[in-house]
């Protein structure tokens, strides 16, 4: 996590924020007879309404009666804050002691093809 001064694309001076994170979840397919095809919308980290990072999960097929850990890189580079997170800017030297509430949003879809038909 890094907050510093900078300019947005229009040249307006503002504080800029960069974040590089790894999100890990466990996915399980308990079905006995079929595999599932799993896709997802982009994973986004928000501080209230300000999107500060995003990433895309790779689609995969999960075989029957198995599980895996899904790892996705979620990062944001030089995101303009426009005063959106003043707590971060006020204490740049003490970022290791700050707690910032973030929301991770995504939709994961699992589809199964049984006897050639999508269910």
Protein backbone atom coordinates (compact mmCIF):
# COMPACT_ATOMS: atom_id res chain seq x y z
CA UNK A 1 0.00 0.00 0.00
CA UNK A 2 1.43 3.38 -0.98
CA UNK A 3 -0.04 6.88 -0.84
CA UNK A 4 1.80 9.85 -2.33
CA UNK A 5 1.24 13.20 -4.02
CA UNK A 6 0.73 13.31 -7.78
CA UNK A 7 -1.43 14.54 -10.66
CA UNK A 8 -4.43 12.86 -12.26
CA UNK A 9 -4.79 12.50 -16.06
CA UNK A 10 -6.09 16.06 -16.42
CA UNK A 11 -3.14 17.48 -14.45
CA UNK A 12 -5.09 18.21 -11.26
CA UNK A 13 -2.82 17.79 -8.21
CA UNK A 14 -4.19 15.19 -5.82
CA UNK A 15 -3.05 12.34 -3.60
CA UNK A 16 -2.45 9.05 -5.42
CA UNK A 17 -2.88 5.57 -3.99
CA UNK A 18 -1.35 2.25 -5.08
CA UNK A 19 -2.27 -1.16 -3.70
CA UNK A 20 -1.12 -4.67 -4.57
CA UNK A 21 -2.95 -7.52 -2.85
CA UNK A 22 -3.63 -11.23 -3.23
CA UNK A 23 -7.09 -12.66 -2.54
CA UNK A 24 -7.39 -16.39 -1.84
CA UNK A 25 -10.65 -18.33 -1.62
CA UNK A 26 -11.46 -22.00 -1.48
CA UNK A 27 -13.84 -23.41 -4.12
CA UNK A 28 -15.47 -26.84 -3.71
CA UNK A 29 -17.56 -28.94 -6.09
CA UNK A 30 -19.45 -31.55 -4.03
CA UNK A 31 -21.30 -33.03 -7.06
CA UNK A 32 -20.88 -36.77 -7.57
CA UNK A 33 -21.54 -36.98 -11.31
CA UNK A 34 -20.45 -33.78 -13.07
CA UNK A 35 -17.82 -31.08 -13.30
CA UNK A 36 -18.60 -27.36 -13.23
CA UNK A 37 -17.26 -24.48 -15.33
CA UNK A 38 -16.51 -21.46 -13.15
CA UNK A 39 -16.26 -17.82 -14.29
CA UNK A 40 -16.33 -14.52 -12.45
CA UNK A 41 -16.89 -10.82 -12.91
CA UNK A 42 -13.87 -8.60 -12.16
CA UNK A 43 -12.93 -8.53 -8.47
CA UNK A 44 -13.01 -4.97 -7.14
CA UNK A 45 -11.88 -3.43 -3.86
CA UNK A 46 -13.88 -0.37 -2.81
CA UNK A 47 -13.45 2.15 -0.04
CA UNK A 48 -17.12 3.14 0.26
CA UNK A 49 -17.86 4.21 -3.37
CA UNK A 50 -14.25 4.78 -4.46
CA UNK A 51 -12.82 1.84 -6.44
CA UNK A 52 -9.17 1.54 -5.44
CA UNK A 53 -8.16 -1.83 -6.97
CA UNK A 54 -9.38 -4.54 -9.33
CA UNK A 55 -8.36 -7.92 -10.72
CA UNK A 56 -9.71 -10.74 -12.87
CA UNK A 57 -10.00 -14.38 -11.83
CA UNK A 58 -8.96 -16.96 -14.43
CA UNK A 59 -11.85 -19.20 -15.46
CA UNK A 60 -11.50 -22.89 -14.68
CA UNK A 61 -13.27 -26.25 -14.67
CA UNK A 62 -13.66 -28.00 -11.34
CA UNK A 63 -13.97 -31.77 -11.48
CA UNK A 64 -16.49 -33.69 -9.41
CA UNK A 65 -15.92 -34.16 -5.66
CA UNK A 66 -12.90 -31.87 -5.54
CA UNK A 67 -11.79 -28.50 -4.29
CA UNK A 68 -9.07 -25.90 -4.99
CA UNK A 69 -7.73 -22.63 -3.80
CA UNK A 70 -8.43 -19.76 -6.19
CA UNK A 71 -5.79 -17.02 -6.08
CA UNK A 72 -6.44 -13.64 -7.70
CA UNK A 73 -4.19 -10.57 -7.79
CA UNK A 74 -6.18 -7.41 -7.04
CA UNK A 75 -4.24 -4.21 -7.58
CA UNK A 76 -4.60 -0.53 -8.24
CA UNK A 77 -1.87 1.74 -9.50
CA UNK A 78 -1.82 5.51 -8.98
CA UNK A 79 -5.55 5.78 -8.22
CA UNK A 80 -6.46 9.46 -7.63
CA UNK A 81 -8.08 9.95 -4.22
CA UNK A 82 -9.48 13.50 -4.59
CA UNK A 83 -9.69 13.70 -0.79
CA UNK A 84 -11.60 10.38 -0.62
CA UNK A 85 -9.33 8.80 2.00
CA UNK A 86 -7.91 11.63 4.10
CA UNK A 87 -6.88 9.25 6.90
CA UNK A 88 -4.34 7.57 4.60
CA UNK A 89 -2.89 10.83 3.40
CA UNK A 90 -2.62 12.34 6.88
CA UNK A 91 -0.54 9.47 8.21
CA UNK A 92 1.58 8.21 5.31
CA UNK A 93 4.44 7.42 7.68
CA UNK A 94 2.25 5.17 9.84
CA UNK A 95 0.43 3.04 7.24
CA UNK A 96 1.21 -0.15 9.14
CA UNK A 97 -1.01 1.01 12.03
CA UNK A 98 -4.04 2.16 10.04
CA UNK A 99 -7.21 0.11 9.53
CA UNK A 100 -9.21 1.02 6.42
CA UNK A 101 -12.57 -0.70 5.75
CA UNK A 102 -12.56 -2.18 2.24
CA UNK A 103 -15.29 -4.10 0.40
CA UNK A 104 -14.43 -6.87 -2.07
CA UNK A 105 -17.16 -7.32 -4.70
CA UNK A 106 -17.48 -9.97 -7.41
CA UNK A 107 -19.99 -12.46 -8.78
CA UNK A 108 -18.89 -16.04 -9.35
CA UNK A 109 -20.89 -18.23 -11.72
CA UNK A 110 -20.77 -22.04 -11.79
CA UNK A 111 -22.28 -23.91 -14.73
CA UNK A 112 -22.66 -27.64 -15.24
CA UNK A 113 -23.14 -29.44 -18.55
CA UNK A 114 -25.11 -32.65 -18.01
CA UNK A 115 -25.75 -34.89 -21.00
CA UNK A 116 -24.79 -32.03 -23.31
CA UNK A 117 -27.30 -29.56 -21.90
CA UNK A 118 -26.54 -26.55 -19.76
CA UNK A 119 -28.10 -26.62 -16.30
